[in-house]
């Protein structure tokens, strides 16, 4: 099966580098997009989302990506993000608390910071098992 190189980089470190058969992420204003080996060159801005990287062995790497850019060039998909967290690094309890706090603020008033916090919490929860998923059960 054809593969491509995937590089997931944040300012602090290389979060992931390896071979994959597919990457699904979400672009700003464009919805979800899937990249397969041989994809045409592409550059897009990312929104907070649950990115899924299907590895060469068929397993899926779940990542919470908080903005940034995705670039496809040749057989390489590069995701450059201010913050990217692998599912196993996410503290689900903390993410649930942040989600609830943001929702409480938004029930009273529109607050851009609360909207951003809610988006980050959703990305973390989706990447780590879904909004209703049990923690540590995979």
C-alpha atoms as a PDB file:
ATOM      1  CA  UNK A   1       0.000   0.000   0.000  1.00  0.00           C
ATOM      2  CA  UNK A   2       1.257   3.461  -0.888  1.00  0.00           C
ATOM      3  CA  UNK A   3       2.356   5.692   1.972  1.00  0.00           C
ATOM      4  CA  UNK A   4       3.382   9.279   2.506  1.00  0.00           C
ATOM      5  CA  UNK A   5       5.535  10.990   5.093  1.00  0.00           C
ATOM      6  CA  UNK A   6       3.631  12.936   7.739  1.00  0.00           C
ATOM      7  CA  UNK A   7       5.315  15.588   9.864  1.00  0.00           C
ATOM      8  CA  UNK A   8       3.351  17.093  12.765  1.00  0.00           C
ATOM      9  CA  UNK A   9       5.336  19.935  14.277  1.00  0.00           C
ATOM     10  CA  UNK A  10       4.695  22.459  17.061  1.00  0.00           C
ATOM     11  CA  UNK A  11       7.086  25.236  18.112  1.00  0.00           C
ATOM     12  CA  UNK A  12       8.391  23.101  21.000  1.00  0.00           C
ATOM     13  CA  UNK A  13       8.933  19.771  19.230  1.00  0.00           C
ATOM     14  CA  UNK A  14       8.215  17.311  16.464  1.00  0.00           C
ATOM     15  CA  UNK A  15       4.994  15.733  17.762  1.00  0.00           C
ATOM     16  CA  UNK A  16       4.967  12.967  15.132  1.00  0.00           C
ATOM     17  CA  UNK A  17       7.024  11.998  12.118  1.00  0.00           C
ATOM     18  CA  UNK A  18       6.378   8.822  10.171  1.00  0.00           C
ATOM     19  CA  UNK A  19       4.691   6.971   7.337  1.00  0.00           C
ATOM     20  CA  UNK A  20       0.925   7.092   6.883  1.00  0.00           C
ATOM     21  CA  UNK A  21      -1.714   6.130   4.337  1.00  0.00           C
ATOM     22  CA  UNK A  22      -4.183   8.933   5.138  1.00  0.00           C
ATOM     23  CA  UNK A  23      -4.526  12.201   7.060  1.00  0.00           C
ATOM     24  CA  UNK A  24      -7.909  13.759   7.872  1.00  0.00           C
ATOM     25  CA  UNK A  25      -7.964  17.279   9.306  1.00  0.00           C
ATOM     26  CA  UNK A  26     -10.196  20.377   9.261  1.00  0.00           C
ATOM     27  CA  UNK A  27      -9.390  23.601   7.446  1.00  0.00           C
ATOM     28  CA  UNK A  28     -10.575  27.052   8.446  1.00  0.00           C
ATOM     29  CA  UNK A  29     -13.894  27.647   6.698  1.00  0.00           C
ATOM     30  CA  UNK A  30     -13.426  24.608   4.468  1.00  0.00           C
ATOM     31  CA  UNK A  31     -14.516  21.627   6.532  1.00  0.00           C
ATOM     32  CA  UNK A  32     -12.756  18.291   6.788  1.00  0.00           C
ATOM     33  CA  UNK A  33     -10.235  17.292   4.155  1.00  0.00           C
ATOM     34  CA  UNK A  34      -8.519  13.947   3.603  1.00  0.00           C
ATOM     35  CA  UNK A  35      -5.047  13.561   2.141  1.00  0.00           C
ATOM     36  CA  UNK A  36      -3.909  10.331   0.508  1.00  0.00           C
ATOM     37  CA  UNK A  37      -0.534   9.499  -1.081  1.00  0.00           C
ATOM     38  CA  UNK A  38      -0.169  11.391  -4.352  1.00  0.00           C
ATOM     39  CA  UNK A  39      -2.449  14.283  -3.332  1.00  0.00           C
ATOM     40  CA  UNK A  40      -2.056  17.475  -5.336  1.00  0.00           C
ATOM     41  CA  UNK A  41      -0.023  20.257  -3.703  1.00  0.00           C
ATOM     42  CA  UNK A  42      -2.117  22.024  -1.060  1.00  0.00           C
ATOM     43  CA  UNK A  43      -1.749  24.748   1.553  1.00  0.00           C
ATOM     44  CA  UNK A  44      -4.485  25.575   4.048  1.00  0.00           C
ATOM     45  CA  UNK A  45      -5.094  27.169   7.427  1.00  0.00           C
ATOM     46  CA  UNK A  46      -6.341  24.827  10.149  1.00  0.00           C
ATOM     47  CA  UNK A  47      -8.989  25.338  12.806  1.00  0.00           C
ATOM     48  CA  UNK A  48      -9.110  23.565  16.178  1.00  0.00           C
ATOM     49  CA  UNK A  49      -9.914  19.971  15.315  1.00  0.00           C
ATOM     50  CA  UNK A  50      -9.478  16.255  15.847  1.00  0.00           C
ATOM     51  CA  UNK A  51      -6.926  15.213  13.221  1.00  0.00           C
ATOM     52  CA  UNK A  52      -6.679  11.513  12.354  1.00  0.00           C
ATOM     53  CA  UNK A  53      -3.496  10.035  10.894  1.00  0.00           C
ATOM     54  CA  UNK A  54      -3.871   6.481   9.576  1.00  0.00           C
ATOM     55  CA  UNK A  55      -0.450   4.890  10.002  1.00  0.00           C
ATOM     56  CA  UNK A  56       1.113   2.396   7.592  1.00  0.00           C
ATOM     57  CA  UNK A  57       0.197  -0.486   9.962  1.00  0.00           C
ATOM     58  CA  UNK A  58      -3.501   0.516   9.855  1.00  0.00           C
ATOM     59  CA  UNK A  59      -3.660   2.002  13.349  1.00  0.00           C
ATOM     60  CA  UNK A  60      -4.951   5.548  13.788  1.00  0.00           C
ATOM     61  CA  UNK A  61      -3.097   8.310  15.599  1.00  0.00           C
ATOM     62  CA  UNK A  62      -5.606  10.745  17.116  1.00  0.00           C
ATOM     63  CA  UNK A  63      -4.375  14.302  17.606  1.00  0.00           C
ATOM     64  CA  UNK A  64      -5.952  17.516  18.896  1.00  0.00           C
ATOM     65  CA  UNK A  65      -4.649  20.286  16.620  1.00  0.00           C
ATOM     66  CA  UNK A  66      -5.214  23.889  17.683  1.00  0.00           C
ATOM     67  CA  UNK A  67      -4.893  25.962  14.531  1.00  0.00           C
ATOM     68  CA  UNK A  68      -1.901  26.272  12.257  1.00  0.00           C
ATOM     69  CA  UNK A  69      -1.325  25.200   8.673  1.00  0.00           C
ATOM     70  CA  UNK A  70      -1.277  22.058   6.574  1.00  0.00           C
ATOM     71  CA  UNK A  71       0.910  21.742   3.500  1.00  0.00           C
ATOM     72  CA  UNK A  72       1.082  18.914   0.992  1.00  0.00           C
ATOM     73  CA  UNK A  73       4.159  18.808  -1.206  1.00  0.00           C
ATOM     74  CA  UNK A  74       5.200  15.705  -3.110  1.00  0.00           C
ATOM     75  CA  UNK A  75       4.650  12.726  -0.822  1.00  0.00           C
ATOM     76  CA  UNK A  76       4.843  14.752   2.391  1.00  0.00           C
ATOM     77  CA  UNK A  77       2.030  16.174   4.507  1.00  0.00           C
ATOM     78  CA  UNK A  78       3.285  18.776   6.986  1.00  0.00           C
ATOM     79  CA  UNK A  79       1.095  20.065   9.794  1.00  0.00           C
ATOM     80  CA  UNK A  80       2.520  23.112  11.567  1.00  0.00           C
ATOM     81  CA  UNK A  81       0.532  23.999  14.673  1.00  0.00           C
ATOM     82  CA  UNK A  82       0.972  26.269  17.672  1.00  0.00           C
ATOM     83  CA  UNK A  83      -0.295  23.402  19.837  1.00  0.00           C
ATOM     84  CA  UNK A  84      -0.790  19.738  18.912  1.00  0.00           C
ATOM     85  CA  UNK A  85      -1.553  17.020  21.464  1.00  0.00           C
ATOM     86  CA  UNK A  86      -1.545  13.260  20.974  1.00  0.00           C
ATOM     87  CA  UNK A  87      -4.672  11.595  22.405  1.00  0.00           C
ATOM     88  CA  UNK A  88      -2.756   9.856  25.203  1.00  0.00           C
ATOM     89  CA  UNK A  89      -1.342  13.207  26.373  1.00  0.00           C
ATOM     90  CA  UNK A  90      -4.762  14.809  26.820  1.00  0.00           C
ATOM     91  CA  UNK A  91      -6.192  15.254  30.303  1.00  0.00           C
ATOM     92  CA  UNK A  92      -9.882  14.496  29.627  1.00  0.00           C
ATOM     93  CA  UNK A  93     -11.016  15.727  33.047  1.00  0.00           C
ATOM     94  CA  UNK A  94      -9.366  19.063  32.503  1.00  0.00           C
ATOM     95  CA  UNK A  95     -10.826  19.298  28.975  1.00  0.00           C
ATOM     96  CA  UNK A  96     -14.343  18.507  30.291  1.00  0.00           C
ATOM     97  CA  UNK A  97     -13.983  21.171  32.982  1.00  0.00           C
ATOM     98  CA  UNK A  98     -12.836  23.721  30.365  1.00  0.00           C
ATOM     99  CA  UNK A  99     -15.788  22.775  28.118  1.00  0.00           C
ATOM    100  CA  UNK A 100     -18.290  23.226  30.953  1.00  0.00           C
ATOM    101  CA  UNK A 101     -16.733  26.535  32.032  1.00  0.00           C
ATOM    102  CA  UNK A 102     -16.843  27.899  28.466  1.00  0.00           C
ATOM    103  CA  UNK A 103     -20.451  26.751  27.975  1.00  0.00           C
ATOM    104  CA  UNK A 104     -21.478  28.463  31.237  1.00  0.00           C
ATOM    105  CA  UNK A 105     -19.941  31.772  30.098  1.00  0.00           C
ATOM    106  CA  UNK A 106     -21.564  31.480  26.670  1.00  0.00           C
ATOM    107  CA  UNK A 107     -25.008  30.913  28.212  1.00  0.00           C
ATOM    108  CA  UNK A 108     -24.734  34.426  29.691  1.00  0.00           C
ATOM    109  CA  UNK A 109     -22.874  36.358  26.989  1.00  0.00           C
ATOM    110  CA  UNK A 110     -20.962  36.043  23.739  1.00  0.00           C
ATOM    111  CA  UNK A 111     -17.290  35.931  24.654  1.00  0.00           C
ATOM    112  CA  UNK A 112     -14.637  35.312  21.983  1.00  0.00           C
ATOM    113  CA  UNK A 113     -12.232  33.808  24.495  1.00  0.00           C
ATOM    114  CA  UNK A 114     -14.906  31.362  25.704  1.00  0.00           C
ATOM    115  CA  UNK A 115     -15.701  30.386  22.089  1.00  0.00           C
ATOM    116  CA  UNK A 116     -12.006  29.644  21.498  1.00  0.00           C
ATOM    117  CA  UNK A 117     -11.765  27.678  24.769  1.00  0.00           C
ATOM    118  CA  UNK A 118     -14.825  25.629  23.796  1.00  0.00           C
ATOM    119  CA  UNK A 119     -13.281  24.837  20.384  1.00  0.00           C
ATOM    120  CA  UNK A 120     -10.041  23.698  22.035  1.00  0.00           C
ATOM    121  CA  UNK A 121     -11.944  21.545  24.538  1.00  0.00           C
ATOM    122  CA  UNK A 122     -13.969  19.889  21.761  1.00  0.00           C
ATOM    123  CA  UNK A 123     -10.793  19.137  19.770  1.00  0.00           C
ATOM    124  CA  UNK A 124      -9.182  17.568  22.858  1.00  0.00           C
ATOM    125  CA  UNK A 125     -12.250  15.527  23.800  1.00  0.00           C
ATOM    126  CA  UNK A 126     -12.862  14.293  20.244  1.00  0.00           C
ATOM    127  CA  UNK A 127      -9.206  13.294  19.816  1.00  0.00           C
ATOM    128  CA  UNK A 128      -9.187  11.433  23.125  1.00  0.00           C
ATOM    129  CA  UNK A 129     -12.279   9.312  22.660  1.00  0.00           C
ATOM    130  CA  UNK A 130     -15.184  11.539  21.724  1.00  0.00           C
ATOM    131  CA  UNK A 131     -17.387  13.858  23.702  1.00  0.00           C
ATOM    132  CA  UNK A 132     -19.043  10.956  25.503  1.00  0.00           C
ATOM    133  CA  UNK A 133     -16.041   8.584  25.436  1.00  0.00           C
ATOM    134  CA  UNK A 134     -14.639   7.024  28.576  1.00  0.00           C
ATOM    135  CA  UNK A 135     -11.115   7.997  29.477  1.00  0.00           C
ATOM    136  CA  UNK A 136      -8.387   5.369  29.245  1.00  0.00           C
ATOM    137  CA  UNK A 137     -10.667   2.727  27.734  1.00  0.00           C
ATOM    138  CA  UNK A 138      -8.838   2.193  24.430  1.00  0.00           C
END
